[in-house]
Amino acid sequence: MIDLHSHTFFSDGALGPAELLRRAEYAGYKAMAITDHCDSSNLNIIPDIVRLCKDISENCNIRAIPGIELTHVPPKLISGMTGEARKLGAKVVIVHGETLVEPVCEGTNLAAIESHVDILAHPGLITEDEVRLAKENNVYLEISARKGHSLANGHVASLAMKIGAGFLVNSDAHGPGDIMDMEFAKRVALGAGLGEAGFNAAMFNAGELLEKVI
C-alpha cells in the first residue's frame, strides 16, 4: 500500500509523524507521505519533516516521504508557495482542492494545476477543462477516503477516466483509525465507479509518483 496524503500533530492530525509511520508500517504499507496542512505561516515545518522521514526511511521498513498540503492558500500565492516548499525539501506538494464541504477559494483547483503540484486533493466539482490541464501538467487527482471530502469522488473519477488524467486513492489520514488496507482502498475506488481496472490504475499511479519523488 502506498498512501501519499496524511496528517500529524504538526497540523490537525492526532499522532506524531513517527507514530503514524510506525502504525502504517505495521499495517503493511510500502510508503507514506507526511503532508501536513500548510500556509505561509508554517512552511518552516518542512525541514523537520524532511529529517524525520530520512530517519524513518533509513531505519524502518517503510519509505517515508516528506511533503506538504497547501491549505486555503489564496490562489494567486499557490505557485510561489509551491516553489518555496520544494526548495525547503518537500518531495510531494499537495493542494487542498475545492472540496464540497469547505469554503475553499474558487480558482484553487486551477491555480494548483497551473503550478504543477503533484496532487490535487479532493477537488470537488472540478471542471472538464481543468481535468484536461491536469493530464497535460501531470497533476494527479485524488480519490479520497476521507468523510466529506469523498462526496465528489464519483465526479472526479468519471472525468479522470474519460479524459485519461492520472488519479490516486489516498486516505487523507488524520489518525490511526484512518490507516487503510488494500481491501478498503479498493472499496473506495469501486465506490467511486473506477472498477477493477481503475483501482489497478490508481495503485500503479501511486507507485509511479513514488518512484518520481524518491
N, C-alpha and C. Protein backbone atom coordinates (compact mmCIF):
# COMPACT_ATOMS: atom_id res chain seq x y z
N MET A 1 0.85 -1.20 0.00
CA MET A 1 0.00 0.00 0.00
C MET A 1 0.89 1.25 0.00
N ILE A 2 0.57 2.18 -0.86
CA ILE A 2 1.25 3.47 -0.92
C ILE A 2 0.20 4.55 -0.69
N ASP A 3 0.43 5.39 0.31
CA ASP A 3 -0.52 6.44 0.65
C ASP A 3 0.24 7.76 0.68
N LEU A 4 -0.17 8.69 -0.15
CA LEU A 4 0.59 9.93 -0.33
C LEU A 4 -0.11 11.16 0.23
N HIS A 5 -0.95 10.96 1.24
CA HIS A 5 -1.66 12.09 1.86
C HIS A 5 -1.99 11.73 3.30
N SER A 6 -1.31 12.37 4.25
CA SER A 6 -1.57 12.10 5.66
C SER A 6 -1.21 13.31 6.51
N HIS A 7 -1.73 13.31 7.74
CA HIS A 7 -1.54 14.45 8.64
C HIS A 7 -1.13 14.00 10.03
N THR A 8 -0.29 14.80 10.67
CA THR A 8 0.19 14.53 12.02
C THR A 8 -0.14 15.71 12.93
N PHE A 9 0.40 15.68 14.16
CA PHE A 9 0.11 16.81 15.04
C PHE A 9 0.88 18.08 14.67
N PHE A 10 1.65 18.03 13.56
CA PHE A 10 2.20 19.26 13.02
C PHE A 10 1.09 20.13 12.40
N SER A 11 -0.08 19.51 12.13
CA SER A 11 -1.25 20.30 11.73
C SER A 11 -2.44 19.82 12.54
N ASP A 12 -3.38 19.09 11.94
CA ASP A 12 -4.58 18.70 12.68
C ASP A 12 -4.71 17.21 12.87
N GLY A 13 -3.59 16.48 12.74
CA GLY A 13 -3.61 15.04 12.97
C GLY A 13 -3.49 14.71 14.44
N ALA A 14 -3.76 13.45 14.78
CA ALA A 14 -3.77 13.02 16.18
C ALA A 14 -2.42 12.52 16.66
N LEU A 15 -1.55 12.08 15.75
CA LEU A 15 -0.31 11.43 16.12
C LEU A 15 0.91 12.21 15.65
N GLY A 16 2.03 11.94 16.29
CA GLY A 16 3.29 12.44 15.76
C GLY A 16 3.65 11.67 14.51
N PRO A 17 4.50 12.22 13.65
CA PRO A 17 4.81 11.55 12.39
C PRO A 17 5.46 10.18 12.57
N ALA A 18 6.34 10.02 13.56
CA ALA A 18 6.98 8.72 13.77
C ALA A 18 5.96 7.65 14.12
N GLU A 19 4.99 8.01 14.97
CA GLU A 19 3.98 7.01 15.35
C GLU A 19 3.05 6.69 14.19
N LEU A 20 2.65 7.71 13.44
CA LEU A 20 1.79 7.45 12.29
C LEU A 20 2.50 6.53 11.30
N LEU A 21 3.77 6.79 11.04
CA LEU A 21 4.52 5.96 10.10
C LEU A 21 4.71 4.55 10.64
N ARG A 22 4.94 4.41 11.94
CA ARG A 22 5.07 3.08 12.52
C ARG A 22 3.78 2.29 12.39
N ARG A 23 2.66 2.95 12.64
CA ARG A 23 1.37 2.26 12.51
C ARG A 23 1.12 1.86 11.05
N ALA A 24 1.53 2.73 10.12
CA ALA A 24 1.38 2.39 8.70
C ALA A 24 2.30 1.22 8.33
N GLU A 25 3.52 1.25 8.85
CA GLU A 25 4.45 0.15 8.61
C GLU A 25 3.87 -1.17 9.12
N TYR A 26 3.32 -1.15 10.33
CA TYR A 26 2.72 -2.34 10.94
C TYR A 26 1.55 -2.86 10.10
N ALA A 27 0.83 -1.93 9.46
CA ALA A 27 -0.30 -2.30 8.61
C ALA A 27 0.14 -2.80 7.24
N GLY A 28 1.44 -2.80 6.97
CA GLY A 28 1.94 -3.34 5.72
C GLY A 28 2.18 -2.33 4.63
N TYR A 29 2.18 -1.05 4.97
CA TYR A 29 2.42 -0.02 3.96
C TYR A 29 3.84 -0.11 3.40
N LYS A 30 3.96 0.13 2.12
CA LYS A 30 5.27 0.26 1.48
C LYS A 30 5.80 1.68 1.65
N ALA A 31 4.91 2.66 1.57
CA ALA A 31 5.33 4.06 1.65
C ALA A 31 4.17 4.92 2.11
N MET A 32 4.52 6.02 2.80
CA MET A 32 3.54 7.02 3.20
C MET A 32 4.19 8.39 3.14
N ALA A 33 3.44 9.36 2.64
CA ALA A 33 3.90 10.75 2.63
C ALA A 33 3.27 11.49 3.80
N ILE A 34 4.08 12.28 4.50
CA ILE A 34 3.59 13.15 5.56
C ILE A 34 3.33 14.51 4.93
N THR A 35 2.07 14.90 4.87
CA THR A 35 1.67 16.09 4.11
C THR A 35 0.77 16.98 4.96
N ASP A 36 1.34 17.54 6.01
CA ASP A 36 0.54 18.37 6.91
C ASP A 36 0.05 19.65 6.24
N HIS A 37 -1.07 20.15 6.75
CA HIS A 37 -1.64 21.41 6.26
C HIS A 37 -0.64 22.54 6.45
N CYS A 38 -0.55 23.38 5.44
CA CYS A 38 0.46 24.43 5.48
C CYS A 38 -0.03 25.66 4.74
N ASP A 39 0.45 26.82 5.21
CA ASP A 39 0.27 28.08 4.50
C ASP A 39 1.53 28.90 4.75
N SER A 40 1.50 30.19 4.51
CA SER A 40 2.73 30.98 4.65
C SER A 40 3.20 31.09 6.09
N SER A 41 2.37 30.72 7.05
CA SER A 41 2.75 30.84 8.46
C SER A 41 3.60 29.70 8.97
N ASN A 42 3.57 28.54 8.29
CA ASN A 42 4.24 27.37 8.86
C ASN A 42 5.00 26.50 7.86
N LEU A 43 5.43 27.10 6.76
CA LEU A 43 6.27 26.35 5.82
C LEU A 43 7.55 25.86 6.49
N ASN A 44 7.92 26.49 7.59
CA ASN A 44 9.17 26.13 8.26
C ASN A 44 9.13 24.75 8.92
N ILE A 45 7.97 24.07 8.92
CA ILE A 45 7.94 22.71 9.44
C ILE A 45 8.57 21.71 8.47
N ILE A 46 8.71 22.10 7.21
CA ILE A 46 9.16 21.14 6.21
C ILE A 46 10.53 20.55 6.52
N PRO A 47 11.55 21.34 6.88
CA PRO A 47 12.85 20.73 7.18
C PRO A 47 12.79 19.70 8.31
N ASP A 48 11.94 19.92 9.31
CA ASP A 48 11.79 18.93 10.38
C ASP A 48 11.18 17.63 9.85
N ILE A 49 10.20 17.76 8.95
CA ILE A 49 9.59 16.58 8.34
C ILE A 49 10.60 15.85 7.46
N VAL A 50 11.42 16.60 6.76
CA VAL A 50 12.46 16.00 5.92
C VAL A 50 13.40 15.16 6.79
N ARG A 51 13.84 15.71 7.90
CA ARG A 51 14.76 14.99 8.79
C ARG A 51 14.10 13.72 9.34
N LEU A 52 12.86 13.84 9.80
CA LEU A 52 12.14 12.70 10.35
C LEU A 52 11.99 11.60 9.30
N CYS A 53 11.61 11.98 8.09
CA CYS A 53 11.40 10.99 7.04
C CYS A 53 12.70 10.28 6.66
N LYS A 54 13.79 10.99 6.69
CA LYS A 54 15.10 10.37 6.44
C LYS A 54 15.42 9.35 7.52
N ASP A 55 15.21 9.72 8.77
CA ASP A 55 15.47 8.81 9.88
C ASP A 55 14.63 7.54 9.77
N ILE A 56 13.35 7.69 9.49
CA ILE A 56 12.45 6.54 9.41
C ILE A 56 12.80 5.66 8.21
N SER A 57 13.02 6.28 7.06
CA SER A 57 13.32 5.50 5.85
C SER A 57 14.60 4.69 6.00
N GLU A 58 15.57 5.22 6.73
CA GLU A 58 16.86 4.54 6.90
C GLU A 58 16.84 3.47 7.98
N ASN A 59 15.83 3.49 8.85
CA ASN A 59 15.84 2.60 10.00
C ASN A 59 14.60 1.71 10.14
N CYS A 60 13.65 1.87 9.24
CA CYS A 60 12.42 1.08 9.30
C CYS A 60 12.10 0.50 7.92
N ASN A 61 11.07 -0.30 7.87
CA ASN A 61 10.69 -0.95 6.61
C ASN A 61 9.53 -0.24 5.93
N ILE A 62 9.62 1.06 5.90
CA ILE A 62 8.65 1.88 5.18
C ILE A 62 9.38 3.08 4.61
N ARG A 63 9.00 3.48 3.42
CA ARG A 63 9.57 4.68 2.82
C ARG A 63 8.73 5.88 3.27
N ALA A 64 9.34 6.78 3.99
CA ALA A 64 8.66 7.98 4.48
C ALA A 64 9.00 9.14 3.55
N ILE A 65 7.98 9.80 3.04
CA ILE A 65 8.16 10.86 2.06
C ILE A 65 7.77 12.20 2.67
N PRO A 66 8.69 13.17 2.70
CA PRO A 66 8.33 14.49 3.22
C PRO A 66 7.50 15.28 2.22
N GLY A 67 6.39 15.80 2.68
CA GLY A 67 5.53 16.57 1.79
C GLY A 67 4.80 17.67 2.54
N ILE A 68 3.82 18.24 1.88
CA ILE A 68 3.05 19.34 2.46
C ILE A 68 1.73 19.44 1.70
N GLU A 69 0.68 19.89 2.40
CA GLU A 69 -0.59 20.18 1.74
C GLU A 69 -0.89 21.67 1.91
N LEU A 70 -0.75 22.42 0.84
CA LEU A 70 -1.09 23.84 0.88
C LEU A 70 -2.60 23.96 1.01
N THR A 71 -3.04 24.60 2.10
CA THR A 71 -4.45 24.53 2.50
C THR A 71 -5.04 25.93 2.68
N HIS A 72 -6.11 26.21 1.95
CA HIS A 72 -6.78 27.51 2.00
C HIS A 72 -5.80 28.66 1.71
N VAL A 73 -4.86 28.38 0.85
CA VAL A 73 -3.92 29.41 0.39
C VAL A 73 -4.59 30.17 -0.75
N PRO A 74 -4.58 31.50 -0.75
CA PRO A 74 -5.16 32.25 -1.87
C PRO A 74 -4.57 31.78 -3.20
N PRO A 75 -5.39 31.56 -4.20
CA PRO A 75 -4.91 31.01 -5.47
C PRO A 75 -3.69 31.72 -6.05
N LYS A 76 -3.63 33.06 -5.93
CA LYS A 76 -2.50 33.80 -6.50
C LYS A 76 -1.17 33.46 -5.83
N LEU A 77 -1.22 32.89 -4.63
CA LEU A 77 0.00 32.58 -3.90
C LEU A 77 0.47 31.13 -4.05
N ILE A 78 -0.35 30.31 -4.68
CA ILE A 78 -0.05 28.87 -4.72
C ILE A 78 1.23 28.57 -5.49
N SER A 79 1.43 29.21 -6.61
CA SER A 79 2.62 28.92 -7.42
C SER A 79 3.90 29.22 -6.65
N GLY A 80 3.98 30.41 -6.08
CA GLY A 80 5.17 30.79 -5.34
C GLY A 80 5.41 29.91 -4.13
N MET A 81 4.34 29.57 -3.44
CA MET A 81 4.49 28.75 -2.24
C MET A 81 4.87 27.31 -2.60
N THR A 82 4.40 26.84 -3.75
CA THR A 82 4.81 25.52 -4.22
C THR A 82 6.31 25.48 -4.44
N GLY A 83 6.83 26.50 -5.09
CA GLY A 83 8.27 26.57 -5.33
C GLY A 83 9.06 26.64 -4.03
N GLU A 84 8.56 27.42 -3.09
CA GLU A 84 9.24 27.56 -1.80
C GLU A 84 9.23 26.24 -1.04
N ALA A 85 8.11 25.53 -1.07
CA ALA A 85 8.01 24.24 -0.38
C ALA A 85 9.00 23.24 -0.96
N ARG A 86 9.14 23.24 -2.26
CA ARG A 86 10.09 22.32 -2.89
C ARG A 86 11.52 22.68 -2.50
N LYS A 87 11.84 23.97 -2.44
CA LYS A 87 13.19 24.38 -2.04
C LYS A 87 13.50 23.95 -0.61
N LEU A 88 12.48 23.91 0.24
CA LEU A 88 12.67 23.51 1.63
C LEU A 88 12.76 21.99 1.80
N GLY A 89 12.48 21.26 0.72
CA GLY A 89 12.67 19.81 0.76
C GLY A 89 11.42 18.97 0.60
N ALA A 90 10.27 19.58 0.38
CA ALA A 90 9.05 18.79 0.18
C ALA A 90 9.15 18.01 -1.13
N LYS A 91 9.00 16.70 -1.03
CA LYS A 91 9.04 15.85 -2.22
C LYS A 91 7.67 15.69 -2.86
N VAL A 92 6.63 15.83 -2.06
CA VAL A 92 5.26 15.76 -2.57
C VAL A 92 4.54 17.03 -2.15
N VAL A 93 4.08 17.81 -3.11
CA VAL A 93 3.30 19.02 -2.83
C VAL A 93 1.86 18.76 -3.25
N ILE A 94 0.99 18.86 -2.27
CA ILE A 94 -0.45 18.68 -2.49
C ILE A 94 -1.12 20.03 -2.28
N VAL A 95 -2.17 20.28 -3.03
CA VAL A 95 -3.04 21.43 -2.74
C VAL A 95 -4.41 20.92 -2.31
N HIS A 96 -4.91 21.51 -1.26
CA HIS A 96 -6.24 21.22 -0.71
C HIS A 96 -7.27 21.78 -1.69
N GLY A 97 -7.86 20.88 -2.46
CA GLY A 97 -8.74 21.31 -3.53
C GLY A 97 -10.11 21.79 -3.07
N GLU A 98 -10.95 22.11 -4.05
CA GLU A 98 -12.25 22.74 -3.80
C GLU A 98 -13.30 21.72 -3.38
N THR A 99 -13.01 21.03 -2.27
CA THR A 99 -13.93 20.06 -1.70
C THR A 99 -15.32 20.66 -1.50
N LEU A 100 -16.33 19.81 -1.51
CA LEU A 100 -17.71 20.27 -1.36
C LEU A 100 -18.04 20.72 0.06
N VAL A 101 -17.21 20.35 1.04
CA VAL A 101 -17.59 20.57 2.44
C VAL A 101 -16.83 21.70 3.13
N GLU A 102 -16.03 22.44 2.39
CA GLU A 102 -15.30 23.56 2.98
C GLU A 102 -15.31 24.74 2.01
N PRO A 103 -15.20 25.98 2.53
CA PRO A 103 -15.24 27.16 1.66
C PRO A 103 -13.89 27.48 1.04
N VAL A 104 -13.35 26.54 0.29
CA VAL A 104 -12.08 26.76 -0.39
C VAL A 104 -12.28 27.81 -1.49
N CYS A 105 -11.31 28.71 -1.64
CA CYS A 105 -11.44 29.79 -2.63
C CYS A 105 -11.64 29.24 -4.04
N GLU A 106 -12.60 29.82 -4.74
CA GLU A 106 -12.78 29.48 -6.15
C GLU A 106 -11.51 29.83 -6.90
N GLY A 107 -11.09 28.94 -7.77
CA GLY A 107 -9.86 29.14 -8.53
C GLY A 107 -8.68 28.36 -7.96
N THR A 108 -8.88 27.74 -6.79
CA THR A 108 -7.80 26.97 -6.18
C THR A 108 -7.40 25.78 -7.05
N ASN A 109 -8.39 25.04 -7.55
CA ASN A 109 -8.08 23.87 -8.39
C ASN A 109 -7.21 24.28 -9.58
N LEU A 110 -7.63 25.32 -10.28
CA LEU A 110 -6.92 25.75 -11.48
C LEU A 110 -5.51 26.23 -11.13
N ALA A 111 -5.39 27.01 -10.06
CA ALA A 111 -4.07 27.52 -9.67
C ALA A 111 -3.12 26.38 -9.31
N ALA A 112 -3.64 25.37 -8.65
CA ALA A 112 -2.81 24.21 -8.29
C ALA A 112 -2.32 23.49 -9.53
N ILE A 113 -3.21 23.27 -10.46
CA ILE A 113 -2.85 22.56 -11.68
C ILE A 113 -1.84 23.37 -12.49
N GLU A 114 -2.07 24.66 -12.60
CA GLU A 114 -1.14 25.53 -13.33
C GLU A 114 0.22 25.60 -12.65
N SER A 115 0.27 25.34 -11.35
CA SER A 115 1.52 25.39 -10.59
C SER A 115 2.27 24.06 -10.62
N HIS A 116 1.71 23.07 -11.33
CA HIS A 116 2.37 21.76 -11.48
C HIS A 116 2.62 21.10 -10.12
N VAL A 117 1.64 21.19 -9.20
CA VAL A 117 1.78 20.45 -7.95
C VAL A 117 1.70 18.96 -8.27
N ASP A 118 1.98 18.13 -7.30
CA ASP A 118 1.97 16.69 -7.54
C ASP A 118 0.56 16.12 -7.49
N ILE A 119 -0.20 16.56 -6.48
CA ILE A 119 -1.54 16.01 -6.26
C ILE A 119 -2.51 17.14 -5.96
N LEU A 120 -3.66 17.09 -6.60
CA LEU A 120 -4.77 17.99 -6.24
C LEU A 120 -5.74 17.15 -5.43
N ALA A 121 -5.79 17.42 -4.13
CA ALA A 121 -6.62 16.63 -3.22
C ALA A 121 -8.08 17.00 -3.33
N HIS A 122 -8.93 15.97 -3.21
CA HIS A 122 -10.39 16.13 -3.16
C HIS A 122 -10.85 17.40 -3.89
N PRO A 123 -10.76 17.40 -5.24
CA PRO A 123 -11.04 18.63 -6.00
C PRO A 123 -12.51 18.94 -6.23
N GLY A 124 -13.41 18.22 -5.59
CA GLY A 124 -14.82 18.58 -5.68
C GLY A 124 -15.34 18.53 -7.11
N LEU A 125 -16.10 19.54 -7.49
CA LEU A 125 -16.72 19.58 -8.82
C LEU A 125 -15.76 20.21 -9.84
N ILE A 126 -14.61 19.61 -9.95
CA ILE A 126 -13.61 20.05 -10.91
C ILE A 126 -14.18 20.03 -12.32
N THR A 127 -13.76 20.97 -13.14
CA THR A 127 -14.31 21.05 -14.49
C THR A 127 -13.55 20.14 -15.46
N GLU A 128 -14.19 19.88 -16.58
CA GLU A 128 -13.56 19.04 -17.60
C GLU A 128 -12.30 19.70 -18.14
N ASP A 129 -12.33 21.01 -18.34
CA ASP A 129 -11.14 21.71 -18.83
C ASP A 129 -9.99 21.61 -17.83
N GLU A 130 -10.31 21.69 -16.54
CA GLU A 130 -9.27 21.57 -15.51
C GLU A 130 -8.69 20.16 -15.49
N VAL A 131 -9.52 19.17 -15.69
CA VAL A 131 -9.02 17.79 -15.73
C VAL A 131 -8.11 17.60 -16.94
N ARG A 132 -8.46 18.19 -18.07
CA ARG A 132 -7.60 18.10 -19.25
C ARG A 132 -6.24 18.75 -18.98
N LEU A 133 -6.24 19.88 -18.30
CA LEU A 133 -4.99 20.55 -17.97
C LEU A 133 -4.19 19.74 -16.95
N ALA A 134 -4.89 19.09 -16.01
CA ALA A 134 -4.21 18.23 -15.05
C ALA A 134 -3.48 17.10 -15.76
N LYS A 135 -4.12 16.53 -16.76
CA LYS A 135 -3.47 15.48 -17.56
C LYS A 135 -2.23 16.03 -18.24
N GLU A 136 -2.36 17.21 -18.85
CA GLU A 136 -1.24 17.83 -19.56
C GLU A 136 -0.08 18.16 -18.63
N ASN A 137 -0.40 18.58 -17.41
CA ASN A 137 0.63 19.01 -16.46
C ASN A 137 1.07 17.91 -15.49
N ASN A 138 0.58 16.69 -15.73
CA ASN A 138 0.94 15.54 -14.89
C ASN A 138 0.61 15.76 -13.41
N VAL A 139 -0.55 16.34 -13.16
CA VAL A 139 -1.04 16.51 -11.81
C VAL A 139 -2.05 15.40 -11.52
N TYR A 140 -1.81 14.64 -10.46
CA TYR A 140 -2.71 13.55 -10.11
C TYR A 140 -3.90 14.08 -9.33
N LEU A 141 -5.08 13.56 -9.65
CA LEU A 141 -6.31 13.91 -8.95
C LEU A 141 -6.59 12.85 -7.88
N GLU A 142 -7.04 13.32 -6.73
CA GLU A 142 -7.23 12.40 -5.61
C GLU A 142 -8.65 11.87 -5.52
N ILE A 143 -8.75 10.57 -5.35
CA ILE A 143 -9.97 9.91 -4.93
C ILE A 143 -9.80 9.70 -3.43
N SER A 144 -10.60 10.37 -2.64
CA SER A 144 -10.35 10.49 -1.20
C SER A 144 -11.16 9.48 -0.39
N ALA A 145 -10.50 8.91 0.62
CA ALA A 145 -11.20 8.03 1.55
C ALA A 145 -11.78 8.80 2.73
N ARG A 146 -11.54 10.11 2.78
CA ARG A 146 -11.96 10.89 3.95
C ARG A 146 -13.42 11.31 3.86
N LYS A 147 -14.10 11.15 4.99
CA LYS A 147 -15.51 11.52 5.07
C LYS A 147 -15.70 12.98 4.66
N GLY A 148 -16.72 13.24 3.90
CA GLY A 148 -16.99 14.60 3.42
C GLY A 148 -16.24 14.90 2.14
N HIS A 149 -14.92 14.81 2.20
CA HIS A 149 -14.12 15.06 1.01
C HIS A 149 -14.41 14.04 -0.10
N SER A 150 -14.93 12.89 0.30
CA SER A 150 -15.18 11.82 -0.67
C SER A 150 -16.49 12.02 -1.45
N LEU A 151 -17.26 13.04 -1.12
CA LEU A 151 -18.59 13.19 -1.72
C LEU A 151 -18.55 13.35 -3.24
N ALA A 152 -17.48 13.94 -3.75
CA ALA A 152 -17.38 14.16 -5.20
C ALA A 152 -16.50 13.12 -5.89
N ASN A 153 -16.17 12.03 -5.20
CA ASN A 153 -15.29 11.03 -5.80
C ASN A 153 -15.80 10.52 -7.14
N GLY A 154 -17.09 10.28 -7.23
CA GLY A 154 -17.65 9.74 -8.47
C GLY A 154 -17.47 10.71 -9.63
N HIS A 155 -17.68 11.98 -9.37
CA HIS A 155 -17.49 13.01 -10.40
C HIS A 155 -16.04 13.07 -10.85
N VAL A 156 -15.13 13.09 -9.88
CA VAL A 156 -13.69 13.17 -10.19
C VAL A 156 -13.25 11.93 -10.97
N ALA A 157 -13.67 10.76 -10.50
CA ALA A 157 -13.27 9.51 -11.15
C ALA A 157 -13.80 9.44 -12.58
N SER A 158 -15.04 9.85 -12.76
CA SER A 158 -15.66 9.79 -14.09
C SER A 158 -14.89 10.64 -15.10
N LEU A 159 -14.57 11.89 -14.71
CA LEU A 159 -13.85 12.77 -15.63
C LEU A 159 -12.41 12.29 -15.85
N ALA A 160 -11.77 11.82 -14.78
CA ALA A 160 -10.40 11.35 -14.93
C ALA A 160 -10.33 10.16 -15.89
N MET A 161 -11.26 9.23 -15.77
CA MET A 161 -11.28 8.06 -16.66
C MET A 161 -11.62 8.48 -18.09
N LYS A 162 -12.56 9.41 -18.23
CA LYS A 162 -12.97 9.86 -19.56
C LYS A 162 -11.82 10.53 -20.30
N ILE A 163 -11.06 11.35 -19.59
CA ILE A 163 -10.03 12.17 -20.22
C ILE A 163 -8.66 11.50 -20.19
N GLY A 164 -8.49 10.56 -19.29
CA GLY A 164 -7.20 9.88 -19.18
C GLY A 164 -6.23 10.59 -18.25
N ALA A 165 -6.76 11.36 -17.31
CA ALA A 165 -5.91 12.04 -16.33
C ALA A 165 -5.50 11.05 -15.24
N GLY A 166 -4.36 11.31 -14.61
CA GLY A 166 -3.89 10.46 -13.54
C GLY A 166 -4.70 10.66 -12.27
N PHE A 167 -4.88 9.60 -11.51
CA PHE A 167 -5.62 9.69 -10.25
C PHE A 167 -5.03 8.69 -9.26
N LEU A 168 -5.24 9.00 -7.97
CA LEU A 168 -4.74 8.18 -6.88
C LEU A 168 -5.85 7.97 -5.86
N VAL A 169 -5.75 6.91 -5.08
CA VAL A 169 -6.60 6.74 -3.91
C VAL A 169 -5.74 6.99 -2.68
N ASN A 170 -6.10 7.99 -1.89
CA ASN A 170 -5.37 8.34 -0.67
C ASN A 170 -6.30 8.33 0.53
N SER A 171 -5.73 8.11 1.71
CA SER A 171 -6.55 8.07 2.92
C SER A 171 -6.85 9.45 3.47
N ASP A 172 -5.94 10.43 3.27
CA ASP A 172 -6.04 11.72 3.97
C ASP A 172 -6.13 11.45 5.47
N ALA A 173 -5.27 10.56 5.95
CA ALA A 173 -5.33 10.10 7.33
C ALA A 173 -5.04 11.24 8.31
N HIS A 174 -5.86 11.30 9.36
CA HIS A 174 -5.66 12.24 10.45
C HIS A 174 -5.45 11.51 11.79
N GLY A 175 -5.57 10.21 11.77
CA GLY A 175 -5.41 9.43 12.99
C GLY A 175 -5.25 7.97 12.68
N PRO A 176 -4.99 7.14 13.71
CA PRO A 176 -4.71 5.72 13.47
C PRO A 176 -5.87 4.98 12.83
N GLY A 177 -7.10 5.39 13.10
CA GLY A 177 -8.25 4.72 12.50
C GLY A 177 -8.41 4.98 11.02
N ASP A 178 -7.66 5.93 10.48
CA ASP A 178 -7.77 6.27 9.06
C ASP A 178 -6.82 5.46 8.18
N ILE A 179 -5.88 4.76 8.79
CA ILE A 179 -4.94 3.96 8.00
C ILE A 179 -5.72 2.84 7.32
N MET A 180 -5.64 2.78 6.01
CA MET A 180 -6.48 1.83 5.27
C MET A 180 -5.64 0.71 4.68
N ASP A 181 -6.21 -0.49 4.65
CA ASP A 181 -5.53 -1.60 3.99
C ASP A 181 -5.93 -1.61 2.51
N MET A 182 -5.32 -2.50 1.76
CA MET A 182 -5.55 -2.54 0.33
C MET A 182 -7.01 -2.82 -0.01
N GLU A 183 -7.65 -3.66 0.81
CA GLU A 183 -9.05 -4.01 0.55
C GLU A 183 -9.96 -2.79 0.70
N PHE A 184 -9.70 -1.97 1.72
CA PHE A 184 -10.53 -0.78 1.88
C PHE A 184 -10.26 0.23 0.76
N ALA A 185 -9.00 0.38 0.38
CA ALA A 185 -8.67 1.27 -0.73
C ALA A 185 -9.40 0.84 -2.00
N LYS A 186 -9.48 -0.45 -2.19
CA LYS A 186 -10.19 -0.98 -3.36
C LYS A 186 -11.68 -0.64 -3.29
N ARG A 187 -12.25 -0.75 -2.11
CA ARG A 187 -13.67 -0.43 -1.94
C ARG A 187 -13.93 1.05 -2.22
N VAL A 188 -13.01 1.92 -1.79
CA VAL A 188 -13.14 3.35 -2.09
C VAL A 188 -13.13 3.57 -3.60
N ALA A 189 -12.21 2.89 -4.28
CA ALA A 189 -12.11 3.03 -5.74
C ALA A 189 -13.37 2.51 -6.43
N LEU A 190 -13.84 1.35 -6.01
CA LEU A 190 -15.05 0.78 -6.62
C LEU A 190 -16.26 1.65 -6.32
N GLY A 191 -16.32 2.20 -5.12
CA GLY A 191 -17.42 3.09 -4.76
C GLY A 191 -17.45 4.36 -5.60
N ALA A 192 -16.27 4.76 -6.07
CA ALA A 192 -16.18 5.94 -6.92
C ALA A 192 -16.50 5.62 -8.38
N GLY A 193 -16.71 4.34 -8.67
CA GLY A 193 -17.05 3.94 -10.03
C GLY A 193 -15.85 3.63 -10.90
N LEU A 194 -14.68 3.46 -10.29
CA LEU A 194 -13.48 3.21 -11.08
C LEU A 194 -13.42 1.81 -11.64
N GLY A 195 -14.03 0.84 -10.96
CA GLY A 195 -13.95 -0.54 -11.40
C GLY A 195 -12.60 -1.14 -11.06
N GLU A 196 -12.46 -2.43 -11.33
CA GLU A 196 -11.22 -3.14 -11.03
C GLU A 196 -10.04 -2.55 -11.77
N ALA A 197 -10.22 -2.25 -13.05
CA ALA A 197 -9.13 -1.69 -13.85
C ALA A 197 -8.73 -0.32 -13.32
N GLY A 198 -9.71 0.47 -12.91
CA GLY A 198 -9.41 1.79 -12.37
C GLY A 198 -8.65 1.71 -11.06
N PHE A 199 -9.03 0.76 -10.22
CA PHE A 199 -8.30 0.57 -8.96
C PHE A 199 -6.85 0.20 -9.25
N ASN A 200 -6.66 -0.72 -10.17
CA ASN A 200 -5.29 -1.12 -10.52
C ASN A 200 -4.50 0.07 -11.07
N ALA A 201 -5.17 0.91 -11.85
CA ALA A 201 -4.50 2.10 -12.39
C ALA A 201 -4.11 3.05 -11.26
N ALA A 202 -4.98 3.21 -10.27
CA ALA A 202 -4.67 4.09 -9.13
C ALA A 202 -3.45 3.59 -8.38
N MET A 203 -3.36 2.28 -8.17
CA MET A 203 -2.21 1.71 -7.47
C MET A 203 -0.93 1.88 -8.31
N PHE A 204 -1.05 1.69 -9.61
CA PHE A 204 0.10 1.89 -10.49
C PHE A 204 0.56 3.34 -10.44
N ASN A 205 -0.40 4.27 -10.49
CA ASN A 205 -0.06 5.69 -10.46
C ASN A 205 0.65 6.07 -9.18
N ALA A 206 0.21 5.50 -8.05
CA ALA A 206 0.86 5.78 -6.77
C ALA A 206 2.32 5.33 -6.81
N GLY A 207 2.56 4.16 -7.36
CA GLY A 207 3.93 3.67 -7.49
C GLY A 207 4.76 4.53 -8.42
N GLU A 208 4.13 4.98 -9.49
CA GLU A 208 4.83 5.83 -10.46
C GLU A 208 5.23 7.15 -9.83
N LEU A 209 4.33 7.77 -9.07
CA LEU A 209 4.66 9.03 -8.41
C LEU A 209 5.72 8.82 -7.33
N LEU A 210 5.62 7.72 -6.61
CA LEU A 210 6.62 7.41 -5.59
C LEU A 210 8.01 7.33 -6.21
N GLU A 211 8.12 6.63 -7.32
CA GLU A 211 9.43 6.50 -7.99
C GLU A 211 9.94 7.85 -8.47
N LYS A 212 9.04 8.71 -8.84
CA LYS A 212 9.41 10.03 -9.35
C LYS A 212 10.03 10.90 -8.24
N VAL A 213 9.50 10.75 -7.01
CA VAL A 213 9.90 11.68 -5.95
C VAL A 213 11.02 11.17 -5.04
N ILE A 214 11.29 9.88 -5.05
CA ILE A 214 12.33 9.37 -4.15
C ILE A 214 13.72 9.45 -4.80
